[in-house]
């Protein structure tokens, strides 16, 4: 993995990031029956690339994008000890590069960025069905904290 470069995303990365975004959505579709069936978008990539409170990183392997992820500084609930936290999302690794520790390197870089912003808590969301992601996040220190529950009102 000597040819791995973690860097900030640029506007020229947008076509590949749009492809990665569809990969995330397709992976999550079986976990969430409320997702629209047609092609949809989760992210405003232009905003994520330029916003000062968001760090969108890509992993480049041998000159090609292999992964991405972002951290976004958010306000915490007023009753918590900390004023802000960093929310991590858009964690995607291309199938041919999975299992190589690339996501872990992106998350470490995002953690370093968040700490540099004065933030000391990281948060993320993961579907309960995504056991491999849960194990990977727990391996690097994340703990299960709260469950979101849903019920159809119909």
C-alpha atoms as a PDB file:
ATOM      1  CA  UNK A   1       0.000   0.000   0.000  1.00  0.00           C
ATOM      2  CA  UNK A   2       2.982   2.264  -0.578  1.00  0.00           C
ATOM      3  CA  UNK A   3       1.144   3.991  -3.412  1.00  0.00           C
ATOM      4  CA  UNK A   4      -1.771   5.052  -1.190  1.00  0.00           C
ATOM      5  CA  UNK A   5      -2.378   8.786  -0.897  1.00  0.00           C
ATOM      6  CA  UNK A   6      -5.050  10.267   1.384  1.00  0.00           C
ATOM      7  CA  UNK A   7      -5.979  13.780   0.271  1.00  0.00           C
ATOM      8  CA  UNK A   8      -8.782  16.321   0.220  1.00  0.00           C
ATOM      9  CA  UNK A   9     -11.329  15.811  -2.529  1.00  0.00           C
ATOM     10  CA  UNK A  10     -11.295  18.292  -5.398  1.00  0.00           C
ATOM     11  CA  UNK A  11     -13.948  19.230  -7.965  1.00  0.00           C
ATOM     12  CA  UNK A  12     -12.224  16.971 -10.504  1.00  0.00           C
ATOM     13  CA  UNK A  13     -13.010  13.980  -8.232  1.00  0.00           C
ATOM     14  CA  UNK A  14     -16.755  14.596  -8.482  1.00  0.00           C
ATOM     15  CA  UNK A  15     -17.561  12.073 -11.269  1.00  0.00           C
ATOM     16  CA  UNK A  16     -15.926   9.254  -9.303  1.00  0.00           C
ATOM     17  CA  UNK A  17     -17.490  10.441  -6.046  1.00  0.00           C
ATOM     18  CA  UNK A  18     -20.930  10.344  -7.681  1.00  0.00           C
ATOM     19  CA  UNK A  19     -20.210   6.721  -8.626  1.00  0.00           C
ATOM     20  CA  UNK A  20     -19.076   5.976  -5.051  1.00  0.00           C
ATOM     21  CA  UNK A  21     -22.262   7.602  -3.738  1.00  0.00           C
ATOM     22  CA  UNK A  22     -24.380   5.218  -5.801  1.00  0.00           C
ATOM     23  CA  UNK A  23     -22.301   2.358  -4.379  1.00  0.00           C
ATOM     24  CA  UNK A  24     -23.180   3.486  -0.855  1.00  0.00           C
ATOM     25  CA  UNK A  25     -26.863   3.796  -1.739  1.00  0.00           C
ATOM     26  CA  UNK A  26     -26.981   0.367  -3.384  1.00  0.00           C
ATOM     27  CA  UNK A  27     -25.285  -1.205  -0.352  1.00  0.00           C
ATOM     28  CA  UNK A  28     -27.786   0.469   1.988  1.00  0.00           C
ATOM     29  CA  UNK A  29     -30.903  -0.179  -0.092  1.00  0.00           C
ATOM     30  CA  UNK A  30     -31.503  -3.715   1.326  1.00  0.00           C
ATOM     31  CA  UNK A  31     -31.204  -2.276   4.851  1.00  0.00           C
ATOM     32  CA  UNK A  32     -33.744   0.510   4.382  1.00  0.00           C
ATOM     33  CA  UNK A  33     -36.998  -0.215   2.538  1.00  0.00           C
ATOM     34  CA  UNK A  34     -37.917   3.493   2.676  1.00  0.00           C
ATOM     35  CA  UNK A  35     -35.188   4.546   0.218  1.00  0.00           C
ATOM     36  CA  UNK A  36     -36.479   5.741  -3.140  1.00  0.00           C
ATOM     37  CA  UNK A  37     -36.266   3.063  -5.813  1.00  0.00           C
ATOM     38  CA  UNK A  38     -34.954   5.353  -8.538  1.00  0.00           C
ATOM     39  CA  UNK A  39     -31.479   6.853  -8.578  1.00  0.00           C
ATOM     40  CA  UNK A  40     -31.144   9.297  -5.743  1.00  0.00           C
ATOM     41  CA  UNK A  41     -28.381  11.376  -4.180  1.00  0.00           C
ATOM     42  CA  UNK A  42     -27.424  11.647  -0.521  1.00  0.00           C
ATOM     43  CA  UNK A  43     -24.793  14.347  -0.692  1.00  0.00           C
ATOM     44  CA  UNK A  44     -24.189  17.835  -2.053  1.00  0.00           C
ATOM     45  CA  UNK A  45     -20.658  17.081  -3.205  1.00  0.00           C
ATOM     46  CA  UNK A  46     -19.909  20.648  -4.325  1.00  0.00           C
ATOM     47  CA  UNK A  47     -20.769  21.913  -0.838  1.00  0.00           C
ATOM     48  CA  UNK A  48     -18.797  19.125   0.826  1.00  0.00           C
ATOM     49  CA  UNK A  49     -15.697  19.923  -1.217  1.00  0.00           C
ATOM     50  CA  UNK A  50     -15.716  23.648  -0.408  1.00  0.00           C
ATOM     51  CA  UNK A  51     -17.330  23.944   3.052  1.00  0.00           C
ATOM     52  CA  UNK A  52     -14.881  24.806   5.847  1.00  0.00           C
ATOM     53  CA  UNK A  53     -16.785  22.696   8.398  1.00  0.00           C
ATOM     54  CA  UNK A  54     -16.550  19.546   6.231  1.00  0.00           C
ATOM     55  CA  UNK A  55     -13.451  17.539   5.381  1.00  0.00           C
ATOM     56  CA  UNK A  56     -14.092  15.246   2.404  1.00  0.00           C
ATOM     57  CA  UNK A  57     -11.158  12.922   1.844  1.00  0.00           C
ATOM     58  CA  UNK A  58     -10.340  10.470  -0.902  1.00  0.00           C
ATOM     59  CA  UNK A  59      -7.843   7.641  -1.008  1.00  0.00           C
ATOM     60  CA  UNK A  60      -5.908   7.428  -4.225  1.00  0.00           C
ATOM     61  CA  UNK A  61      -4.222   4.137  -5.084  1.00  0.00           C
ATOM     62  CA  UNK A  62      -1.877   4.015  -8.064  1.00  0.00           C
ATOM     63  CA  UNK A  63      -3.448   7.192  -9.447  1.00  0.00           C
ATOM     64  CA  UNK A  64      -7.080   6.017  -9.155  1.00  0.00           C
ATOM     65  CA  UNK A  65      -9.615   6.811  -6.445  1.00  0.00           C
ATOM     66  CA  UNK A  66     -10.174   3.800  -4.210  1.00  0.00           C
ATOM     67  CA  UNK A  67     -12.156   5.196  -1.265  1.00  0.00           C
ATOM     68  CA  UNK A  68     -13.670   8.244   0.383  1.00  0.00           C
ATOM     69  CA  UNK A  69     -15.146   9.536   3.619  1.00  0.00           C
ATOM     70  CA  UNK A  70     -16.003  12.808   5.290  1.00  0.00           C
ATOM     71  CA  UNK A  71     -16.198  14.479   8.676  1.00  0.00           C
ATOM     72  CA  UNK A  72     -18.671  17.292   9.316  1.00  0.00           C
ATOM     73  CA  UNK A  73     -18.543  19.493  12.402  1.00  0.00           C
ATOM     74  CA  UNK A  74     -21.996  19.606  13.986  1.00  0.00           C
ATOM     75  CA  UNK A  75     -23.446  21.289  17.056  1.00  0.00           C
ATOM     76  CA  UNK A  76     -24.046  18.917  19.931  1.00  0.00           C
ATOM     77  CA  UNK A  77     -27.115  18.914  22.154  1.00  0.00           C
ATOM     78  CA  UNK A  78     -27.056  21.770  24.647  1.00  0.00           C
ATOM     79  CA  UNK A  79     -27.053  19.409  27.628  1.00  0.00           C
ATOM     80  CA  UNK A  80     -23.834  17.618  26.617  1.00  0.00           C
ATOM     81  CA  UNK A  81     -20.432  18.577  27.972  1.00  0.00           C
ATOM     82  CA  UNK A  82     -19.038  19.292  24.512  1.00  0.00           C
ATOM     83  CA  UNK A  83     -20.372  21.973  22.173  1.00  0.00           C
ATOM     84  CA  UNK A  84     -19.543  20.173  18.939  1.00  0.00           C
ATOM     85  CA  UNK A  85     -18.801  16.736  17.519  1.00  0.00           C
ATOM     86  CA  UNK A  86     -17.681  15.416  14.150  1.00  0.00           C
ATOM     87  CA  UNK A  87     -20.114  13.256  12.216  1.00  0.00           C
ATOM     88  CA  UNK A  88     -18.416  10.776   9.888  1.00  0.00           C
ATOM     89  CA  UNK A  89     -20.092   9.522   6.747  1.00  0.00           C
ATOM     90  CA  UNK A  90     -19.817   8.571   3.070  1.00  0.00           C
ATOM     91  CA  UNK A  91     -17.402   5.805   4.018  1.00  0.00           C
ATOM     92  CA  UNK A  92     -16.871   3.889   0.787  1.00  0.00           C
ATOM     93  CA  UNK A  93     -14.108   1.620  -0.487  1.00  0.00           C
ATOM     94  CA  UNK A  94     -14.165   0.110  -3.965  1.00  0.00           C
ATOM     95  CA  UNK A  95     -14.723  -3.658  -3.894  1.00  0.00           C
ATOM     96  CA  UNK A  96     -11.225  -4.454  -5.180  1.00  0.00           C
ATOM     97  CA  UNK A  97      -9.615  -2.466  -2.341  1.00  0.00           C
ATOM     98  CA  UNK A  98     -11.697  -3.678   0.600  1.00  0.00           C
ATOM     99  CA  UNK A  99      -9.928  -5.410   3.448  1.00  0.00           C
ATOM    100  CA  UNK A 100      -6.698  -3.451   2.954  1.00  0.00           C
ATOM    101  CA  UNK A 101      -7.157  -0.989   5.823  1.00  0.00           C
ATOM    102  CA  UNK A 102      -7.851   1.984   3.551  1.00  0.00           C
ATOM    103  CA  UNK A 103     -11.047   2.981   5.363  1.00  0.00           C
ATOM    104  CA  UNK A 104      -9.166   2.904   8.658  1.00  0.00           C
ATOM    105  CA  UNK A 105      -6.542   5.280   7.251  1.00  0.00           C
ATOM    106  CA  UNK A 106      -9.242   7.679   6.035  1.00  0.00           C
ATOM    107  CA  UNK A 107     -10.934   7.586   9.437  1.00  0.00           C
ATOM    108  CA  UNK A 108      -7.628   8.276  11.182  1.00  0.00           C
ATOM    109  CA  UNK A 109      -7.051  11.297   8.931  1.00  0.00           C
ATOM    110  CA  UNK A 110     -10.603  12.520   9.613  1.00  0.00           C
ATOM    111  CA  UNK A 111     -10.053  12.104  13.352  1.00  0.00           C
ATOM    112  CA  UNK A 112      -6.850  14.147  13.127  1.00  0.00           C
ATOM    113  CA  UNK A 113      -8.702  16.868  11.199  1.00  0.00           C
ATOM    114  CA  UNK A 114     -11.513  16.934  13.782  1.00  0.00           C
ATOM    115  CA  UNK A 115      -9.052  17.225  16.659  1.00  0.00           C
ATOM    116  CA  UNK A 116      -7.370  20.074  14.790  1.00  0.00           C
ATOM    117  CA  UNK A 117     -10.781  21.783  14.693  1.00  0.00           C
ATOM    118  CA  UNK A 118     -11.058  21.470  18.487  1.00  0.00           C
ATOM    119  CA  UNK A 119     -13.518  18.570  18.340  1.00  0.00           C
ATOM    120  CA  UNK A 120     -12.988  15.526  20.530  1.00  0.00           C
ATOM    121  CA  UNK A 121     -15.970  13.280  19.818  1.00  0.00           C
ATOM    122  CA  UNK A 122     -16.624  11.357  16.604  1.00  0.00           C
ATOM    123  CA  UNK A 123     -19.998   9.909  15.658  1.00  0.00           C
ATOM    124  CA  UNK A 124     -21.283   7.804  12.810  1.00  0.00           C
ATOM    125  CA  UNK A 125     -24.328   5.799  11.845  1.00  0.00           C
ATOM    126  CA  UNK A 126     -24.325   2.245  10.548  1.00  0.00           C
ATOM    127  CA  UNK A 127     -27.178  -0.098   9.707  1.00  0.00           C
ATOM    128  CA  UNK A 128     -27.528  -2.944  12.204  1.00  0.00           C
ATOM    129  CA  UNK A 129     -27.443  -5.403   9.290  1.00  0.00           C
ATOM    130  CA  UNK A 130     -23.972  -4.182   8.284  1.00  0.00           C
ATOM    131  CA  UNK A 131     -22.111  -6.403  10.715  1.00  0.00           C
ATOM    132  CA  UNK A 132     -18.757  -6.185   8.931  1.00  0.00           C
ATOM    133  CA  UNK A 133     -18.791  -2.378   9.159  1.00  0.00           C
ATOM    134  CA  UNK A 134     -19.833  -2.527  12.811  1.00  0.00           C
ATOM    135  CA  UNK A 135     -16.908  -4.850  13.584  1.00  0.00           C
ATOM    136  CA  UNK A 136     -14.509  -2.593  11.669  1.00  0.00           C
ATOM    137  CA  UNK A 137     -15.696   0.508  13.544  1.00  0.00           C
ATOM    138  CA  UNK A 138     -15.514  -1.259  16.905  1.00  0.00           C
ATOM    139  CA  UNK A 139     -11.996  -2.427  16.068  1.00  0.00           C
ATOM    140  CA  UNK A 140     -10.852   1.197  15.879  1.00  0.00           C
ATOM    141  CA  UNK A 141     -12.591   2.239  19.096  1.00  0.00           C
ATOM    142  CA  UNK A 142     -16.184   3.136  18.265  1.00  0.00           C
ATOM    143  CA  UNK A 143     -18.785   1.828  20.710  1.00  0.00           C
ATOM    144  CA  UNK A 144     -22.466   1.144  20.234  1.00  0.00           C
ATOM    145  CA  UNK A 145     -24.304   3.968  21.902  1.00  0.00           C
ATOM    146  CA  UNK A 146     -27.955   4.381  20.948  1.00  0.00           C
ATOM    147  CA  UNK A 147     -30.403   2.617  18.685  1.00  0.00           C
ATOM    148  CA  UNK A 148     -32.782   4.441  16.380  1.00  0.00           C
ATOM    149  CA  UNK A 149     -36.082   2.612  16.113  1.00  0.00           C
ATOM    150  CA  UNK A 150     -38.781   2.966  13.463  1.00  0.00           C
ATOM    151  CA  UNK A 151     -42.349   1.861  12.973  1.00  0.00           C
ATOM    152  CA  UNK A 152     -44.654   2.553  10.082  1.00  0.00           C
ATOM    153  CA  UNK A 153     -47.653   4.643  11.111  1.00  0.00           C
ATOM    154  CA  UNK A 154     -49.781   3.075   8.381  1.00  0.00           C
END
